[in-house]
Amino acid sequence: MRSSPVIRQVALALAWAFSALAAALGLNALIKSNQDKSRLKRLAPPPVTRVDINTNDIFVAGTVATVAALLIAILTFIFVAGAALKPTRGLFNRTARLQGGILILASIFLFGSMVPYMVYFVNRSAVVTAFIGNTQLPDSLVQQTAKSAGQDGIYKHIHYLKLFAIFPWIALLFTLIAAAFLLLTPRSTSSSSSHGSSSPVMREKETIEHV
């Protein structure tokens, strides 16, 4: 089975679109998470002197997954632009298989970061502790106060975390599809590109010899 340049470009464009969207959603989740933390701390009753909100588990996993999605977005954009522009088209056609290998590695990076993210997303919640002086308040009281303020610390109930639990997987799917089409690029593509660049010289040499 072989892939045509048009199919490769379409597959790369789809991978770029969804990976860029996933990276944007990841960045949005990081920003909104910090905003929710600040909002919850401001809602603490006056006797409370300190509120700690620990979301390091999903924060780290989400940050790494966002970087992975952004990396794929950058790579696929370079591959699409390089194959579309005439000065670099030959080079990018000759290195299509290499590009496929690079996307496979980037996909492994994204998959490896999304697995722990999904584990935390499904099973965990933010750990909120509040103190009056050095005395820690009961967890039940803290959770009740947070719920009354509309702040649900359960990860799978938070909308922006839900979105990031979906779109990176779609980006991963299209990246693997694009990588497959790149790896299926016929070897004749590279050889024809190199032969095409030297054919005028060869024809001139043959003409001279013939004369």
N, C-alpha and C. Protein backbone atom coordinates (compact mmCIF):
# COMPACT_ATOMS: atom_id res chain seq x y z
N MET A 1 0.84 -1.20 0.00
CA MET A 1 0.00 0.00 0.00
C MET A 1 0.87 1.25 0.00
N ARG A 2 0.56 2.21 -0.86
CA ARG A 2 1.33 3.44 -0.96
C ARG A 2 0.45 4.64 -0.64
N SER A 3 1.10 5.73 -0.24
CA SER A 3 0.36 6.95 0.08
C SER A 3 0.75 8.04 -0.90
N SER A 4 -0.22 8.82 -1.33
CA SER A 4 0.04 9.92 -2.24
C SER A 4 0.37 11.17 -1.44
N PRO A 5 1.04 12.15 -2.06
CA PRO A 5 1.37 13.39 -1.35
C PRO A 5 0.14 14.11 -0.81
N VAL A 6 -0.97 14.07 -1.55
CA VAL A 6 -2.18 14.75 -1.09
C VAL A 6 -2.71 14.12 0.19
N ILE A 7 -2.74 12.79 0.22
CA ILE A 7 -3.22 12.09 1.42
C ILE A 7 -2.32 12.40 2.61
N ARG A 8 -1.01 12.42 2.38
CA ARG A 8 -0.08 12.72 3.47
C ARG A 8 -0.30 14.13 4.00
N GLN A 9 -0.52 15.08 3.10
CA GLN A 9 -0.75 16.46 3.53
C GLN A 9 -2.05 16.60 4.33
N VAL A 10 -3.09 15.92 3.88
CA VAL A 10 -4.37 15.98 4.60
C VAL A 10 -4.23 15.36 5.98
N ALA A 11 -3.57 14.21 6.06
CA ALA A 11 -3.39 13.55 7.35
C ALA A 11 -2.56 14.41 8.30
N LEU A 12 -1.51 15.02 7.78
CA LEU A 12 -0.67 15.90 8.60
C LEU A 12 -1.44 17.13 9.05
N ALA A 13 -2.27 17.68 8.17
CA ALA A 13 -3.06 18.86 8.53
C ALA A 13 -4.05 18.55 9.65
N LEU A 14 -4.68 17.38 9.58
CA LEU A 14 -5.61 16.98 10.64
C LEU A 14 -4.87 16.75 11.96
N ALA A 15 -3.71 16.12 11.88
CA ALA A 15 -2.91 15.91 13.09
C ALA A 15 -2.50 17.25 13.70
N TRP A 16 -2.12 18.19 12.83
CA TRP A 16 -1.74 19.52 13.33
C TRP A 16 -2.93 20.22 13.99
N ALA A 17 -4.10 20.17 13.36
CA ALA A 17 -5.27 20.87 13.89
C ALA A 17 -5.66 20.34 15.27
N PHE A 18 -5.72 19.03 15.43
CA PHE A 18 -6.16 18.47 16.70
C PHE A 18 -5.09 18.54 17.78
N SER A 19 -3.83 18.44 17.40
CA SER A 19 -2.77 18.59 18.40
C SER A 19 -2.67 20.03 18.88
N ALA A 20 -2.85 21.00 17.95
CA ALA A 20 -2.85 22.40 18.35
C ALA A 20 -4.04 22.70 19.27
N LEU A 21 -5.21 22.11 18.97
CA LEU A 21 -6.38 22.28 19.81
C LEU A 21 -6.14 21.65 21.18
N ALA A 22 -5.55 20.47 21.21
CA ALA A 22 -5.27 19.80 22.49
C ALA A 22 -4.30 20.62 23.33
N ALA A 23 -3.27 21.18 22.69
CA ALA A 23 -2.31 22.01 23.42
C ALA A 23 -2.98 23.26 23.98
N ALA A 24 -3.87 23.86 23.18
CA ALA A 24 -4.60 25.05 23.64
C ALA A 24 -5.51 24.71 24.83
N LEU A 25 -6.17 23.57 24.76
CA LEU A 25 -7.04 23.15 25.87
C LEU A 25 -6.22 22.84 27.12
N GLY A 26 -5.03 22.27 26.93
CA GLY A 26 -4.17 22.01 28.07
C GLY A 26 -3.72 23.30 28.74
N LEU A 27 -3.33 24.28 27.93
CA LEU A 27 -2.93 25.58 28.48
C LEU A 27 -4.11 26.25 29.17
N ASN A 28 -5.29 26.15 28.57
CA ASN A 28 -6.49 26.72 29.18
C ASN A 28 -6.79 26.05 30.53
N ALA A 29 -6.60 24.73 30.61
CA ALA A 29 -6.85 24.02 31.87
C ALA A 29 -5.87 24.47 32.95
N LEU A 30 -4.61 24.68 32.58
CA LEU A 30 -3.63 25.14 33.56
C LEU A 30 -3.99 26.53 34.10
N ILE A 31 -4.42 27.41 33.22
CA ILE A 31 -4.78 28.76 33.63
C ILE A 31 -6.03 28.75 34.51
N LYS A 32 -7.06 28.03 34.08
CA LYS A 32 -8.30 27.99 34.86
C LYS A 32 -8.11 27.29 36.21
N SER A 33 -7.23 26.31 36.25
CA SER A 33 -6.95 25.64 37.51
C SER A 33 -6.36 26.62 38.53
N ASN A 34 -5.42 27.43 38.07
CA ASN A 34 -4.84 28.45 38.96
C ASN A 34 -5.87 29.48 39.38
N GLN A 35 -6.76 29.84 38.47
CA GLN A 35 -7.82 30.80 38.81
C GLN A 35 -8.78 30.22 39.84
N ASP A 36 -9.15 28.95 39.71
CA ASP A 36 -10.04 28.31 40.67
C ASP A 36 -9.40 28.22 42.05
N LYS A 37 -8.12 27.94 42.08
CA LYS A 37 -7.42 27.89 43.37
C LYS A 37 -7.45 29.25 44.06
N SER A 38 -7.16 30.29 43.31
CA SER A 38 -7.16 31.64 43.89
C SER A 38 -8.55 32.02 44.37
N ARG A 39 -9.58 31.65 43.60
CA ARG A 39 -10.96 31.97 43.98
C ARG A 39 -11.36 31.25 45.26
N LEU A 40 -10.99 29.99 45.36
CA LEU A 40 -11.34 29.22 46.56
C LEU A 40 -10.62 29.75 47.79
N LYS A 41 -9.40 30.17 47.64
CA LYS A 41 -8.66 30.73 48.77
C LYS A 41 -9.29 32.04 49.25
N ARG A 42 -9.79 32.83 48.31
CA ARG A 42 -10.43 34.10 48.69
C ARG A 42 -11.76 33.87 49.40
N LEU A 43 -12.40 32.73 49.16
CA LEU A 43 -13.70 32.44 49.77
C LEU A 43 -13.59 31.88 51.18
N ALA A 44 -12.37 31.67 51.66
CA ALA A 44 -12.19 31.11 52.99
C ALA A 44 -12.74 32.08 54.05
N PRO A 45 -13.47 31.58 55.06
CA PRO A 45 -14.02 32.45 56.12
C PRO A 45 -12.90 33.16 56.87
N PRO A 46 -13.20 34.30 57.47
CA PRO A 46 -12.17 35.11 58.15
C PRO A 46 -11.32 34.38 59.18
N PRO A 47 -11.84 33.45 59.99
CA PRO A 47 -10.96 32.81 60.97
C PRO A 47 -9.85 31.98 60.32
N VAL A 48 -10.08 31.52 59.09
CA VAL A 48 -9.10 30.66 58.42
C VAL A 48 -7.89 31.51 58.00
N THR A 49 -6.73 31.07 58.40
CA THR A 49 -5.52 31.84 58.09
C THR A 49 -4.77 31.31 56.87
N ARG A 50 -4.98 30.03 56.54
CA ARG A 50 -4.26 29.47 55.39
C ARG A 50 -5.07 28.35 54.75
N VAL A 51 -5.08 28.35 53.40
CA VAL A 51 -5.73 27.29 52.63
C VAL A 51 -4.72 26.73 51.64
N ASP A 52 -4.50 25.42 51.70
CA ASP A 52 -3.59 24.75 50.77
C ASP A 52 -4.40 23.85 49.84
N ILE A 53 -4.15 23.99 48.53
CA ILE A 53 -4.84 23.17 47.53
C ILE A 53 -3.78 22.43 46.72
N ASN A 54 -3.76 21.13 46.86
CA ASN A 54 -2.73 20.31 46.22
C ASN A 54 -3.33 19.59 45.01
N THR A 55 -2.89 19.99 43.83
CA THR A 55 -3.28 19.31 42.58
C THR A 55 -2.04 18.93 41.77
N ASN A 56 -0.94 18.67 42.49
CA ASN A 56 0.32 18.42 41.81
C ASN A 56 0.27 17.21 40.90
N ASP A 57 -0.52 16.21 41.26
CA ASP A 57 -0.56 14.98 40.46
C ASP A 57 -1.04 15.26 39.04
N ILE A 58 -2.24 15.80 38.93
CA ILE A 58 -2.79 16.04 37.60
C ILE A 58 -2.16 17.27 36.93
N PHE A 59 -1.65 18.20 37.73
CA PHE A 59 -1.00 19.39 37.17
C PHE A 59 0.26 18.99 36.40
N VAL A 60 1.09 18.15 37.01
CA VAL A 60 2.33 17.72 36.35
C VAL A 60 2.02 16.90 35.10
N ALA A 61 1.10 15.92 35.25
CA ALA A 61 0.74 15.08 34.10
C ALA A 61 0.13 15.91 32.97
N GLY A 62 -0.73 16.86 33.32
CA GLY A 62 -1.35 17.71 32.31
C GLY A 62 -0.35 18.62 31.62
N THR A 63 0.62 19.12 32.38
CA THR A 63 1.65 19.98 31.79
C THR A 63 2.50 19.21 30.78
N VAL A 64 2.90 18.00 31.16
CA VAL A 64 3.71 17.18 30.25
C VAL A 64 2.91 16.82 29.00
N ALA A 65 1.63 16.48 29.17
CA ALA A 65 0.79 16.14 28.01
C ALA A 65 0.58 17.35 27.11
N THR A 66 0.47 18.53 27.71
CA THR A 66 0.33 19.76 26.92
C THR A 66 1.59 20.01 26.09
N VAL A 67 2.75 19.80 26.70
CA VAL A 67 4.02 19.97 25.97
C VAL A 67 4.10 18.96 24.82
N ALA A 68 3.67 17.72 25.07
CA ALA A 68 3.71 16.69 24.03
C ALA A 68 2.79 17.06 22.86
N ALA A 69 1.59 17.55 23.18
CA ALA A 69 0.66 17.96 22.12
C ALA A 69 1.22 19.15 21.35
N LEU A 70 1.84 20.08 22.05
CA LEU A 70 2.43 21.25 21.39
C LEU A 70 3.59 20.83 20.49
N LEU A 71 4.38 19.86 20.93
CA LEU A 71 5.48 19.36 20.12
C LEU A 71 4.97 18.75 18.81
N ILE A 72 3.90 17.96 18.91
CA ILE A 72 3.32 17.37 17.70
C ILE A 72 2.77 18.45 16.78
N ALA A 73 2.14 19.47 17.35
CA ALA A 73 1.61 20.57 16.54
C ALA A 73 2.73 21.28 15.78
N ILE A 74 3.85 21.51 16.44
CA ILE A 74 4.98 22.18 15.79
C ILE A 74 5.56 21.30 14.69
N LEU A 75 5.75 20.02 14.99
CA LEU A 75 6.34 19.11 14.00
C LEU A 75 5.45 18.97 12.77
N THR A 76 4.16 18.76 12.98
CA THR A 76 3.26 18.57 11.84
C THR A 76 3.14 19.85 11.01
N PHE A 77 3.19 20.99 11.67
CA PHE A 77 3.16 22.26 10.91
C PHE A 77 4.40 22.38 10.03
N ILE A 78 5.56 22.03 10.58
CA ILE A 78 6.79 22.09 9.79
C ILE A 78 6.73 21.13 8.61
N PHE A 79 6.20 19.92 8.87
CA PHE A 79 6.14 18.92 7.80
C PHE A 79 5.16 19.34 6.70
N VAL A 80 4.02 19.90 7.09
CA VAL A 80 3.04 20.36 6.10
C VAL A 80 3.60 21.52 5.29
N ALA A 81 4.17 22.51 5.99
CA ALA A 81 4.70 23.69 5.30
C ALA A 81 5.87 23.31 4.40
N GLY A 82 6.75 22.43 4.90
CA GLY A 82 7.91 22.04 4.12
C GLY A 82 7.54 21.30 2.84
N ALA A 83 6.51 20.45 2.92
CA ALA A 83 6.09 19.71 1.72
C ALA A 83 5.27 20.58 0.77
N ALA A 84 4.72 21.68 1.26
CA ALA A 84 3.89 22.54 0.42
C ALA A 84 4.71 23.59 -0.32
N LEU A 85 5.81 24.03 0.30
CA LEU A 85 6.63 25.08 -0.32
C LEU A 85 7.57 24.47 -1.36
N LYS A 86 7.63 25.09 -2.51
CA LYS A 86 8.40 24.54 -3.63
C LYS A 86 9.89 24.40 -3.33
N PRO A 87 10.54 25.37 -2.66
CA PRO A 87 12.00 25.23 -2.43
C PRO A 87 12.36 24.04 -1.55
N THR A 88 11.46 23.64 -0.64
CA THR A 88 11.77 22.56 0.30
C THR A 88 10.99 21.28 0.01
N ARG A 89 10.18 21.29 -1.02
CA ARG A 89 9.30 20.13 -1.29
C ARG A 89 10.10 18.86 -1.53
N GLY A 90 11.17 18.96 -2.31
CA GLY A 90 11.96 17.78 -2.61
C GLY A 90 12.60 17.18 -1.37
N LEU A 91 13.15 18.03 -0.51
CA LEU A 91 13.77 17.55 0.73
C LEU A 91 12.76 16.85 1.62
N PHE A 92 11.59 17.44 1.79
CA PHE A 92 10.59 16.85 2.68
C PHE A 92 9.97 15.59 2.08
N ASN A 93 9.91 15.49 0.77
CA ASN A 93 9.44 14.25 0.15
C ASN A 93 10.46 13.12 0.34
N ARG A 94 11.74 13.47 0.25
CA ARG A 94 12.78 12.46 0.42
C ARG A 94 12.89 11.96 1.86
N THR A 95 12.50 12.81 2.80
CA THR A 95 12.63 12.43 4.22
C THR A 95 11.28 12.08 4.84
N ALA A 96 10.32 11.68 4.02
CA ALA A 96 8.97 11.39 4.54
C ALA A 96 8.99 10.25 5.56
N ARG A 97 9.77 9.21 5.30
CA ARG A 97 9.84 8.09 6.23
C ARG A 97 10.46 8.51 7.55
N LEU A 98 11.46 9.36 7.49
CA LEU A 98 12.07 9.89 8.72
C LEU A 98 11.05 10.69 9.52
N GLN A 99 10.26 11.50 8.82
CA GLN A 99 9.21 12.27 9.49
C GLN A 99 8.20 11.35 10.19
N GLY A 100 7.86 10.24 9.53
CA GLY A 100 6.96 9.28 10.14
C GLY A 100 7.53 8.70 11.42
N GLY A 101 8.81 8.39 11.42
CA GLY A 101 9.46 7.88 12.63
C GLY A 101 9.46 8.90 13.75
N ILE A 102 9.70 10.17 13.39
CA ILE A 102 9.69 11.24 14.40
C ILE A 102 8.30 11.37 15.02
N LEU A 103 7.26 11.29 14.19
CA LEU A 103 5.89 11.39 14.71
C LEU A 103 5.53 10.20 15.59
N ILE A 104 6.07 9.03 15.28
CA ILE A 104 5.84 7.86 16.13
C ILE A 104 6.42 8.11 17.53
N LEU A 105 7.63 8.65 17.58
CA LEU A 105 8.26 8.96 18.87
C LEU A 105 7.46 10.02 19.63
N ALA A 106 7.00 11.04 18.91
CA ALA A 106 6.19 12.08 19.56
C ALA A 106 4.87 11.51 20.06
N SER A 107 4.30 10.56 19.32
CA SER A 107 3.05 9.92 19.75
C SER A 107 3.26 9.11 21.03
N ILE A 108 4.40 8.43 21.11
CA ILE A 108 4.72 7.68 22.34
C ILE A 108 4.84 8.63 23.52
N PHE A 109 5.44 9.78 23.29
CA PHE A 109 5.56 10.81 24.32
C PHE A 109 4.18 11.26 24.80
N LEU A 110 3.29 11.54 23.86
CA LEU A 110 1.94 11.97 24.23
C LEU A 110 1.17 10.86 24.94
N PHE A 111 1.27 9.65 24.43
CA PHE A 111 0.56 8.52 25.06
C PHE A 111 1.07 8.30 26.48
N GLY A 112 2.40 8.35 26.64
CA GLY A 112 2.98 8.13 27.96
C GLY A 112 2.58 9.18 28.98
N SER A 113 2.31 10.39 28.52
CA SER A 113 1.89 11.44 29.45
C SER A 113 0.38 11.43 29.70
N MET A 114 -0.39 10.93 28.74
CA MET A 114 -1.84 10.89 28.91
C MET A 114 -2.31 9.75 29.81
N VAL A 115 -1.55 8.68 29.87
CA VAL A 115 -1.96 7.55 30.72
C VAL A 115 -2.04 7.96 32.19
N PRO A 116 -0.99 8.54 32.79
CA PRO A 116 -1.14 8.98 34.18
C PRO A 116 -2.18 10.09 34.35
N TYR A 117 -2.30 10.97 33.34
CA TYR A 117 -3.33 12.01 33.43
C TYR A 117 -4.71 11.37 33.57
N MET A 118 -5.00 10.35 32.77
CA MET A 118 -6.31 9.70 32.82
C MET A 118 -6.52 8.97 34.15
N VAL A 119 -5.46 8.38 34.69
CA VAL A 119 -5.57 7.71 35.99
C VAL A 119 -5.95 8.72 37.07
N TYR A 120 -5.28 9.85 37.07
CA TYR A 120 -5.59 10.89 38.06
C TYR A 120 -6.97 11.49 37.81
N PHE A 121 -7.30 11.71 36.55
CA PHE A 121 -8.57 12.32 36.20
C PHE A 121 -9.75 11.47 36.66
N VAL A 122 -9.66 10.18 36.50
CA VAL A 122 -10.76 9.28 36.82
C VAL A 122 -10.85 9.01 38.32
N ASN A 123 -9.71 8.91 39.00
CA ASN A 123 -9.71 8.37 40.36
C ASN A 123 -9.43 9.37 41.47
N ARG A 124 -8.94 10.55 41.15
CA ARG A 124 -8.49 11.43 42.23
C ARG A 124 -9.23 12.77 42.23
N SER A 125 -8.91 13.53 43.28
CA SER A 125 -9.49 14.87 43.43
C SER A 125 -8.46 15.76 44.10
N ALA A 126 -8.72 17.04 44.09
CA ALA A 126 -7.82 18.00 44.72
C ALA A 126 -7.84 17.80 46.24
N VAL A 127 -6.66 17.92 46.84
CA VAL A 127 -6.54 17.79 48.30
C VAL A 127 -6.52 19.19 48.89
N VAL A 128 -7.60 19.54 49.60
CA VAL A 128 -7.74 20.89 50.17
C VAL A 128 -7.61 20.79 51.68
N THR A 129 -6.71 21.58 52.22
CA THR A 129 -6.54 21.65 53.68
C THR A 129 -6.61 23.11 54.11
N ALA A 130 -7.27 23.34 55.23
CA ALA A 130 -7.41 24.71 55.75
C ALA A 130 -6.95 24.74 57.20
N PHE A 131 -6.36 25.88 57.59
CA PHE A 131 -5.80 26.00 58.93
C PHE A 131 -6.27 27.29 59.58
N ILE A 132 -6.47 27.22 60.89
CA ILE A 132 -6.64 28.40 61.73
C ILE A 132 -5.43 28.42 62.65
N GLY A 133 -4.50 29.28 62.36
CA GLY A 133 -3.22 29.23 63.05
C GLY A 133 -2.48 27.98 62.61
N ASN A 134 -2.15 27.12 63.59
CA ASN A 134 -1.50 25.85 63.28
C ASN A 134 -2.45 24.67 63.38
N THR A 135 -3.74 24.96 63.58
CA THR A 135 -4.74 23.91 63.73
C THR A 135 -5.43 23.64 62.40
N GLN A 136 -5.37 22.37 61.97
CA GLN A 136 -6.01 22.00 60.70
C GLN A 136 -7.49 21.74 60.92
N LEU A 137 -8.32 22.31 60.04
CA LEU A 137 -9.76 22.10 60.11
C LEU A 137 -10.13 20.72 59.59
N PRO A 138 -11.24 20.14 60.06
CA PRO A 138 -11.67 18.83 59.58
C PRO A 138 -11.93 18.85 58.06
N ASP A 139 -11.57 17.74 57.41
CA ASP A 139 -11.75 17.65 55.95
C ASP A 139 -13.21 17.78 55.54
N SER A 140 -14.12 17.25 56.36
CA SER A 140 -15.55 17.32 56.03
C SER A 140 -16.03 18.76 55.99
N LEU A 141 -15.54 19.58 56.91
CA LEU A 141 -15.93 21.00 56.93
C LEU A 141 -15.37 21.73 55.72
N VAL A 142 -14.13 21.41 55.36
CA VAL A 142 -13.50 22.06 54.20
C VAL A 142 -14.24 21.69 52.92
N GLN A 143 -14.58 20.40 52.77
CA GLN A 143 -15.28 19.95 51.57
C GLN A 143 -16.68 20.56 51.48
N GLN A 144 -17.35 20.68 52.62
CA GLN A 144 -18.69 21.28 52.62
C GLN A 144 -18.62 22.75 52.21
N THR A 145 -17.62 23.45 52.72
CA THR A 145 -17.46 24.86 52.37
C THR A 145 -17.15 25.03 50.89
N ALA A 146 -16.30 24.14 50.35
CA ALA A 146 -15.94 24.21 48.94
C ALA A 146 -17.15 23.93 48.05
N LYS A 147 -17.95 22.95 48.41
CA LYS A 147 -19.13 22.63 47.61
C LYS A 147 -20.16 23.75 47.64
N SER A 148 -20.32 24.37 48.81
CA SER A 148 -21.27 25.49 48.90
C SER A 148 -20.81 26.67 48.06
N ALA A 149 -19.50 26.76 47.80
CA ALA A 149 -18.95 27.83 46.96
C ALA A 149 -18.94 27.44 45.49
N GLY A 150 -19.43 26.24 45.17
CA GLY A 150 -19.46 25.79 43.78
C GLY A 150 -18.14 25.30 43.27
N GLN A 151 -17.23 24.94 44.15
CA GLN A 151 -15.91 24.44 43.77
C GLN A 151 -15.84 22.95 44.07
N ASP A 152 -15.95 22.12 43.03
CA ASP A 152 -15.88 20.68 43.19
C ASP A 152 -14.46 20.22 42.89
N GLY A 153 -13.80 19.66 43.88
CA GLY A 153 -12.41 19.27 43.71
C GLY A 153 -12.21 17.95 43.00
N ILE A 154 -13.30 17.25 42.65
CA ILE A 154 -13.18 15.96 41.96
C ILE A 154 -12.82 16.24 40.50
N TYR A 155 -11.70 15.71 40.06
CA TYR A 155 -11.18 16.04 38.74
C TYR A 155 -12.16 15.74 37.61
N LYS A 156 -12.80 14.59 37.66
CA LYS A 156 -13.66 14.18 36.54
C LYS A 156 -14.95 15.00 36.46
N HIS A 157 -15.20 15.86 37.45
CA HIS A 157 -16.37 16.73 37.42
C HIS A 157 -16.04 18.13 36.91
N ILE A 158 -14.76 18.39 36.64
CA ILE A 158 -14.33 19.72 36.21
C ILE A 158 -14.31 19.77 34.69
N HIS A 159 -15.04 20.75 34.12
CA HIS A 159 -15.28 20.78 32.68
C HIS A 159 -13.99 20.88 31.87
N TYR A 160 -13.10 21.78 32.23
CA TYR A 160 -11.90 21.97 31.41
C TYR A 160 -10.95 20.78 31.50
N LEU A 161 -11.02 20.04 32.59
CA LEU A 161 -10.23 18.80 32.66
C LEU A 161 -10.86 17.70 31.81
N LYS A 162 -12.19 17.72 31.71
CA LYS A 162 -12.88 16.75 30.85
C LYS A 162 -12.45 16.93 29.39
N LEU A 163 -12.41 18.19 28.95
CA LEU A 163 -12.03 18.47 27.55
C LEU A 163 -10.63 17.97 27.25
N PHE A 164 -9.72 18.18 28.21
CA PHE A 164 -8.35 17.75 27.97
C PHE A 164 -8.20 16.24 28.09
N ALA A 165 -9.19 15.59 28.67
CA ALA A 165 -9.17 14.12 28.73
C ALA A 165 -9.63 13.50 27.42
N ILE A 166 -10.15 14.32 26.50
CA ILE A 166 -10.71 13.81 25.24
C ILE A 166 -9.82 14.14 24.04
N PHE A 167 -9.53 15.42 23.85
CA PHE A 167 -8.93 15.85 22.59
C PHE A 167 -7.48 15.39 22.37
N PRO A 168 -6.65 15.24 23.39
CA PRO A 168 -5.32 14.69 23.10
C PRO A 168 -5.36 13.29 22.50
N TRP A 169 -6.38 12.50 22.86
CA TRP A 169 -6.49 11.16 22.28
C TRP A 169 -6.87 11.25 20.79
N ILE A 170 -7.70 12.22 20.45
CA ILE A 170 -8.02 12.42 19.03
C ILE A 170 -6.78 12.88 18.27
N ALA A 171 -6.02 13.78 18.89
CA ALA A 171 -4.77 14.23 18.28
C ALA A 171 -3.80 13.06 18.11
N LEU A 172 -3.75 12.19 19.10
CA LEU A 172 -2.87 11.02 19.02
C LEU A 172 -3.29 10.11 17.87
N LEU A 173 -4.59 9.91 17.70
CA LEU A 173 -5.09 9.05 16.62
C LEU A 173 -4.67 9.59 15.26
N PHE A 174 -4.91 10.87 15.01
CA PHE A 174 -4.58 11.45 13.70
C PHE A 174 -3.06 11.54 13.50
N THR A 175 -2.31 11.69 14.58
CA THR A 175 -0.85 11.70 14.45
C THR A 175 -0.34 10.34 14.03
N LEU A 176 -0.91 9.28 14.60
CA LEU A 176 -0.51 7.93 14.21
C LEU A 176 -0.90 7.64 12.76
N ILE A 177 -2.07 8.13 12.36
CA ILE A 177 -2.50 7.95 10.97
C ILE A 177 -1.54 8.68 10.02
N ALA A 178 -1.18 9.92 10.37
CA ALA A 178 -0.24 10.67 9.54
C ALA A 178 1.12 9.98 9.49
N ALA A 179 1.56 9.46 10.63
CA ALA A 179 2.84 8.76 10.67
C ALA A 179 2.81 7.51 9.79
N ALA A 180 1.67 6.81 9.81
CA ALA A 180 1.54 5.61 8.97
C ALA A 180 1.63 5.95 7.49
N PHE A 181 0.95 7.02 7.08
CA PHE A 181 1.01 7.42 5.67
C PHE A 181 2.43 7.85 5.28
N LEU A 182 3.13 8.51 6.20
CA LEU A 182 4.51 8.92 5.90
C LEU A 182 5.42 7.70 5.76
N LEU A 183 5.21 6.72 6.63
CA LEU A 183 6.03 5.51 6.56
C LEU A 183 5.73 4.68 5.33
N LEU A 184 4.51 4.86 4.77
CA LEU A 184 4.13 4.13 3.57
C LEU A 184 4.54 4.84 2.28
N THR A 185 5.27 5.93 2.43
CA THR A 185 5.75 6.65 1.25
C THR A 185 6.65 5.73 0.42
N PRO A 186 6.37 5.56 -0.87
CA PRO A 186 7.20 4.66 -1.69
C PRO A 186 8.64 5.15 -1.79
N ARG A 187 9.56 4.21 -1.79
CA ARG A 187 10.98 4.57 -1.89
C ARG A 187 11.30 5.28 -3.21
N SER A 188 10.48 5.05 -4.22
CA SER A 188 10.71 5.67 -5.51
C SER A 188 10.57 7.18 -5.45
N THR A 189 9.86 7.68 -4.38
CA THR A 189 9.70 9.13 -4.25
C THR A 189 11.04 9.80 -4.05
N SER A 190 11.85 9.23 -3.15
CA SER A 190 13.16 9.83 -2.90
C SER A 190 14.10 9.66 -4.07
N SER A 191 14.06 8.46 -4.67
CA SER A 191 14.96 8.23 -5.79
C SER A 191 14.59 9.07 -7.00
N SER A 192 13.29 9.24 -7.23
CA SER A 192 12.88 10.04 -8.38
C SER A 192 13.22 11.50 -8.18
N SER A 193 13.17 11.97 -6.90
CA SER A 193 13.52 13.37 -6.63
C SER A 193 14.99 13.61 -6.92
N SER A 194 15.84 12.64 -6.46
CA SER A 194 17.28 12.82 -6.70
C SER A 194 17.62 12.65 -8.17
N HIS A 195 16.96 11.70 -8.84
CA HIS A 195 17.23 11.52 -10.26
C HIS A 195 16.74 12.70 -11.07
N GLY A 196 15.60 13.27 -10.63
CA GLY A 196 15.05 14.40 -11.36
C GLY A 196 15.96 15.59 -11.31
N SER A 197 16.67 15.78 -10.20
CA SER A 197 17.53 16.94 -10.09
C SER A 197 18.78 16.80 -10.95
N SER A 198 19.21 15.54 -11.24
CA SER A 198 20.44 15.35 -12.02
C SER A 198 20.16 15.01 -13.47
N SER A 199 18.92 14.84 -13.85
CA SER A 199 18.60 14.40 -15.20
C SER A 199 19.04 15.37 -16.28
N PRO A 200 18.93 16.70 -16.12
CA PRO A 200 19.41 17.60 -17.19
C PRO A 200 20.89 17.42 -17.47
N VAL A 201 21.70 17.23 -16.41
CA VAL A 201 23.14 17.05 -16.59
C VAL A 201 23.42 15.76 -17.33
N MET A 202 22.68 14.71 -16.92
CA MET A 202 22.89 13.42 -17.57
C MET A 202 22.51 13.49 -19.05
N ARG A 203 21.39 14.17 -19.33
CA ARG A 203 20.97 14.28 -20.72
C ARG A 203 22.00 15.05 -21.55
N GLU A 204 22.58 16.11 -20.93
CA GLU A 204 23.60 16.90 -21.64
C GLU A 204 24.81 16.04 -21.92
N LYS A 205 25.21 15.22 -20.91
CA LYS A 205 26.37 14.37 -21.09
C LYS A 205 26.14 13.34 -22.18
N GLU A 206 24.93 12.77 -22.18
CA GLU A 206 24.60 11.78 -23.21
C GLU A 206 24.62 12.41 -24.60
N THR A 207 24.16 13.65 -24.70
CA THR A 207 24.14 14.35 -26.01
C THR A 207 25.55 14.58 -26.52
N ILE A 208 26.45 15.01 -25.63
CA ILE A 208 27.84 15.26 -26.01
C ILE A 208 28.50 13.97 -26.48
N GLU A 209 28.26 12.90 -25.71
CA GLU A 209 28.87 11.62 -26.08
C GLU A 209 28.33 11.16 -27.44
N HIS A 210 27.06 11.40 -27.67
CA HIS A 210 26.45 10.97 -28.92
C HIS A 210 27.08 11.72 -30.10
N VAL A 211 27.33 13.04 -29.94
CA VAL A 211 27.93 13.84 -30.98
C VAL A 211 29.36 13.38 -31.24
